[in-house]
N, C-alpha and C. Protein backbone atom coordinates (compact mmCIF):
# COMPACT_ATOMS: atom_id res chain seq x y z
N GLU A 1 172.74 130.12 -104.27
CA GLU A 1 172.60 129.26 -105.38
C GLU A 1 172.64 130.55 -106.82
N TYR A 2 172.10 131.54 -106.48
CA TYR A 2 172.20 132.49 -107.46
C TYR A 2 173.73 132.92 -107.92
N TYR A 3 174.24 133.23 -106.99
CA TYR A 3 175.62 133.70 -107.17
C TYR A 3 176.65 132.33 -107.82
N GLN A 4 176.32 131.33 -107.45
CA GLN A 4 176.86 130.14 -107.80
C GLN A 4 176.75 130.07 -109.55
N ARG A 5 175.54 130.23 -109.89
CA ARG A 5 175.20 130.45 -111.31
C ARG A 5 175.55 131.64 -112.22
N HIS A 6 175.34 132.72 -111.32
CA HIS A 6 175.37 134.09 -112.33
C HIS A 6 176.44 134.86 -111.87
N VAL A 7 177.02 134.69 -110.93
CA VAL A 7 178.15 135.57 -110.26
C VAL A 7 178.93 134.87 -109.67
N PRO A 8 179.96 133.63 -110.51
CA PRO A 8 181.09 132.86 -109.94
C PRO A 8 182.09 133.57 -108.95
N SER A 9 182.11 134.96 -109.47
CA SER A 9 183.30 135.87 -108.46
C SER A 9 182.62 135.76 -107.14
N GLU A 10 181.53 135.73 -106.59
CA GLU A 10 180.78 135.83 -105.42
C GLU A 10 181.04 134.55 -104.69
N ASP A 11 181.33 135.01 -103.31
CA ASP A 11 181.39 134.13 -102.18
C ASP A 11 179.79 133.20 -102.28
N VAL A 12 180.02 131.95 -102.18
CA VAL A 12 178.49 131.13 -102.34
C VAL A 12 178.47 130.45 -100.76
N ALA A 13 179.44 130.56 -100.09
CA ALA A 13 179.28 129.78 -98.66
C ALA A 13 178.28 130.81 -97.99
N CYS A 14 177.67 130.30 -97.22
CA CYS A 14 176.65 130.95 -95.67
C CYS A 14 177.82 131.41 -94.76
N PRO A 15 177.30 132.78 -94.08
CA PRO A 15 178.39 133.17 -93.31
C PRO A 15 178.03 132.32 -91.81
N CYS A 16 177.17 131.42 -91.86
CA CYS A 16 177.34 130.53 -90.70
C CYS A 16 178.34 129.38 -90.84
N GLY A 17 178.78 129.17 -91.97
CA GLY A 17 179.98 128.05 -92.16
C GLY A 17 179.21 127.03 -93.45
N LYS A 18 178.20 127.01 -93.83
CA LYS A 18 177.50 125.81 -94.51
C LYS A 18 178.22 126.21 -96.04
N HIS A 19 178.80 125.39 -96.60
CA HIS A 19 179.20 125.44 -97.76
C HIS A 19 178.44 126.27 -99.06
N LEU A 20 177.24 126.11 -99.06
CA LEU A 20 176.03 126.60 -100.17
C LEU A 20 175.13 127.17 -99.36
N GLN A 21 174.68 128.29 -99.59
CA GLN A 21 174.00 129.14 -98.90
C GLN A 21 172.54 128.98 -99.89
N THR A 22 171.95 128.04 -99.73
CA THR A 22 170.58 127.77 -100.55
C THR A 22 169.35 128.84 -99.78
N ARG A 23 167.97 128.47 -100.59
CA ARG A 23 166.86 129.13 -100.06
C ARG A 23 166.46 128.44 -99.08
N ASP A 24 166.54 127.15 -99.17
CA ASP A 24 165.94 126.11 -98.17
C ASP A 24 166.90 126.20 -96.73
N HIS A 25 167.83 126.27 -96.92
CA HIS A 25 169.13 126.72 -95.61
C HIS A 25 168.69 127.95 -94.93
N ILE A 26 168.40 129.03 -95.64
CA ILE A 26 168.15 130.26 -95.06
C ILE A 26 166.76 130.35 -94.33
N LEU A 27 165.73 129.73 -95.05
CA LEU A 27 164.59 129.62 -94.70
C LEU A 27 164.08 128.49 -93.23
N LEU A 28 164.85 127.31 -93.39
CA LEU A 28 164.45 126.26 -92.48
C LEU A 28 165.65 125.80 -91.62
N ASP A 29 166.86 126.25 -91.98
CA ASP A 29 167.95 125.69 -91.41
C ASP A 29 169.28 126.85 -90.78
N CYS A 30 169.44 127.91 -91.24
CA CYS A 30 170.47 128.91 -90.76
C CYS A 30 170.23 129.15 -89.48
N GLU A 31 171.20 129.07 -88.60
CA GLU A 31 170.96 129.38 -87.02
C GLU A 31 171.06 131.04 -87.21
N ARG A 32 171.29 131.83 -88.27
CA ARG A 32 171.62 133.17 -88.17
C ARG A 32 170.00 133.50 -88.04
N TYR A 33 169.20 132.83 -88.50
CA TYR A 33 167.54 133.30 -88.75
C TYR A 33 166.69 132.61 -87.81
N ASP A 34 167.33 131.90 -86.88
CA ASP A 34 166.46 130.97 -86.00
C ASP A 34 165.72 132.07 -84.93
N GLU A 35 166.06 133.07 -84.33
CA GLU A 35 165.28 134.06 -83.68
C GLU A 35 164.22 134.52 -84.58
N HIS A 36 164.07 134.50 -85.90
CA HIS A 36 162.78 135.09 -86.74
C HIS A 36 162.00 134.06 -87.30
N ARG A 37 162.16 132.66 -87.06
CA ARG A 37 161.30 131.75 -87.48
C ARG A 37 159.99 131.60 -86.58
N HIS A 38 159.85 132.16 -85.61
CA HIS A 38 158.54 132.26 -85.35
C HIS A 38 157.24 132.74 -85.82
N HIS A 39 157.76 133.49 -87.11
CA HIS A 39 156.70 133.68 -87.77
C HIS A 39 156.06 132.34 -88.79
N PHE A 40 157.07 131.20 -88.77
CA PHE A 40 156.28 130.18 -89.30
C PHE A 40 155.74 129.53 -88.36
N ALA A 41 155.47 129.65 -87.25
CA ALA A 41 154.89 128.63 -86.28
C ALA A 41 153.80 128.14 -86.21
N ALA A 42 152.84 129.12 -87.01
CA ALA A 42 151.41 128.43 -87.21
C ALA A 42 151.25 127.40 -88.54
N LEU A 43 152.26 127.28 -89.14
CA LEU A 43 152.44 126.74 -90.30
C LEU A 43 152.53 125.15 -90.27
N ARG A 44 153.24 125.16 -88.86
CA ARG A 44 153.81 123.54 -88.59
C ARG A 44 152.54 122.71 -88.16
N PRO A 45 152.28 121.42 -88.35
CA PRO A 45 153.33 120.69 -88.92
C PRO A 45 153.54 120.64 -90.59
N ASP A 46 153.01 121.53 -91.42
CA ASP A 46 152.83 121.40 -92.65
C ASP A 46 154.28 121.74 -93.24
N LEU A 47 154.94 122.65 -92.40
CA LEU A 47 156.14 123.31 -92.83
C LEU A 47 157.19 122.21 -92.85
N ASN A 48 157.47 121.21 -93.55
CA ASN A 48 158.21 120.27 -93.99
C ASN A 48 159.33 120.65 -95.22
N GLY A 49 159.06 121.66 -95.98
CA GLY A 49 159.58 122.11 -96.93
C GLY A 49 159.18 123.76 -97.59
N THR A 50 159.76 124.42 -98.32
CA THR A 50 159.44 125.76 -98.35
C THR A 50 158.13 125.62 -99.56
N HIS A 51 157.88 124.61 -100.05
CA HIS A 51 156.74 124.77 -100.78
C HIS A 51 155.41 125.37 -100.12
N VAL A 52 155.14 124.95 -98.67
CA VAL A 52 153.98 125.69 -97.89
C VAL A 52 154.13 126.84 -98.01
N LEU A 53 155.51 127.68 -97.75
CA LEU A 53 155.65 129.03 -97.70
C LEU A 53 155.38 129.61 -99.25
N LEU A 54 155.65 129.01 -100.25
CA LEU A 54 155.58 129.81 -101.45
C LEU A 54 154.26 129.31 -102.34
N SER A 55 153.40 128.55 -101.49
CA SER A 55 152.14 128.37 -102.13
C SER A 55 150.74 128.49 -101.65
N THR A 56 150.97 128.88 -100.25
CA THR A 56 149.58 129.53 -99.76
C THR A 56 149.84 130.88 -99.53
N ARG A 57 148.47 131.46 -99.02
CA ARG A 57 148.61 132.78 -98.51
C ARG A 57 148.93 133.11 -97.15
N LYS A 58 148.40 132.11 -96.30
CA LYS A 58 149.44 131.99 -94.74
C LYS A 58 150.73 131.84 -95.14
N GLY A 59 151.36 130.98 -95.81
CA GLY A 59 152.83 130.69 -96.01
C GLY A 59 153.34 132.11 -96.75
N ILE A 60 152.93 132.93 -97.50
CA ILE A 60 153.51 133.87 -98.21
C ILE A 60 153.55 135.00 -97.28
N SER A 61 152.25 134.94 -96.33
CA SER A 61 152.22 136.24 -95.39
C SER A 61 153.39 136.01 -94.15
N ALA A 62 153.53 134.73 -93.63
CA ALA A 62 154.81 134.35 -92.78
C ALA A 62 155.90 134.78 -93.34
N LEU A 63 156.18 134.29 -94.76
CA LEU A 63 157.68 134.60 -95.38
C LEU A 63 157.86 136.04 -95.22
N ALA A 64 157.05 136.76 -95.67
CA ALA A 64 157.14 138.23 -95.74
C ALA A 64 157.48 138.50 -94.34
N LYS A 65 156.77 138.38 -93.36
CA LYS A 65 157.17 138.74 -91.94
C LYS A 65 158.52 138.57 -91.39
N PHE A 66 158.93 137.01 -91.89
CA PHE A 66 160.34 136.51 -91.78
C PHE A 66 161.27 137.52 -92.43
N ILE A 67 161.17 137.65 -93.71
CA ILE A 67 162.21 138.48 -94.57
C ILE A 67 162.30 139.91 -93.84
N GLN A 68 160.99 140.74 -93.82
CA GLN A 68 161.03 141.97 -92.97
C GLN A 68 161.76 142.02 -92.00
N SER A 69 161.44 141.23 -90.81
CA SER A 69 162.21 141.30 -89.63
C SER A 69 163.62 140.72 -89.39
N SER A 70 163.81 139.77 -90.56
CA SER A 70 165.30 139.25 -90.29
C SER A 70 166.44 139.58 -91.53
N GLY A 71 165.96 140.21 -92.28
CA GLY A 71 166.88 141.03 -93.27
C GLY A 71 167.26 139.67 -94.02
N ALA A 72 166.68 138.54 -94.32
CA ALA A 72 167.22 137.28 -95.18
C ALA A 72 166.89 137.87 -96.56
N PHE A 73 167.94 137.21 -97.18
CA PHE A 73 168.09 137.45 -98.77
C PHE A 73 168.38 139.00 -99.10
N THR A 74 168.70 139.71 -98.26
CA THR A 74 169.24 141.05 -98.57
C THR A 74 170.66 140.66 -98.80
N LYS A 75 171.60 141.96 -99.25
CA LYS A 75 172.73 141.60 -99.57
C LYS A 75 173.80 141.41 -98.46
N THR A 76 173.48 142.22 -97.23
CA THR A 76 173.98 141.78 -96.21
C THR A 76 173.44 140.81 -95.00
N GLY A 77 172.17 140.35 -95.52
CA GLY A 77 171.68 139.32 -94.51
C GLY A 77 171.06 139.69 -93.16
N GLU A 78 171.59 141.12 -92.94
CA GLU A 78 171.02 141.62 -91.59
C GLU A 78 169.83 142.37 -91.63
N PRO A 79 169.20 142.26 -90.20
CA PRO A 79 167.80 142.95 -90.14
C PRO A 79 167.90 144.65 -90.75
N PRO A 80 166.88 144.85 -91.08
CA PRO A 80 167.15 146.42 -91.24
C PRO A 80 167.02 147.33 -90.11
N PRO A 81 167.79 148.58 -90.04
CA PRO A 81 168.04 149.51 -88.82
C PRO A 81 166.39 149.45 -88.25
N LEU A 82 166.61 149.54 -86.94
CA LEU A 82 165.06 150.21 -86.32
C LEU A 82 164.94 151.54 -86.18
N ASP A 83 163.54 151.88 -86.85
CA ASP A 83 163.41 153.39 -86.85
C ASP A 83 163.42 154.03 -85.44
N PRO A 84 164.09 155.17 -85.42
CA PRO A 84 164.08 155.72 -83.82
C PRO A 84 163.02 156.36 -83.57
C-alpha cells in the first residue's frame, strides 16, 4: 500500500501473486508467512482483524515475534539470517 501511494515506480504486487500487498494480507493471509503465524495462536478467536494485533499488549508482543521470525515488512520480505 505504501509503494502504491508514495513510490509508484515500485511493484505493489505480493510475491505470492496477490495483486496488492497490504498489511492485512501479510499478517493474516499471505502463504509466505504461514509458518510464522503460530505467534498469533494465543490471540484466537479474537484475531479476526489486525486491530487486536495493534491495540493490545499481547497482540503487539505476538506481532513483534512474528516480524522478527518472518522478516515480514522488510524490503526483501525474508527472515533474517540465523546467527552461527
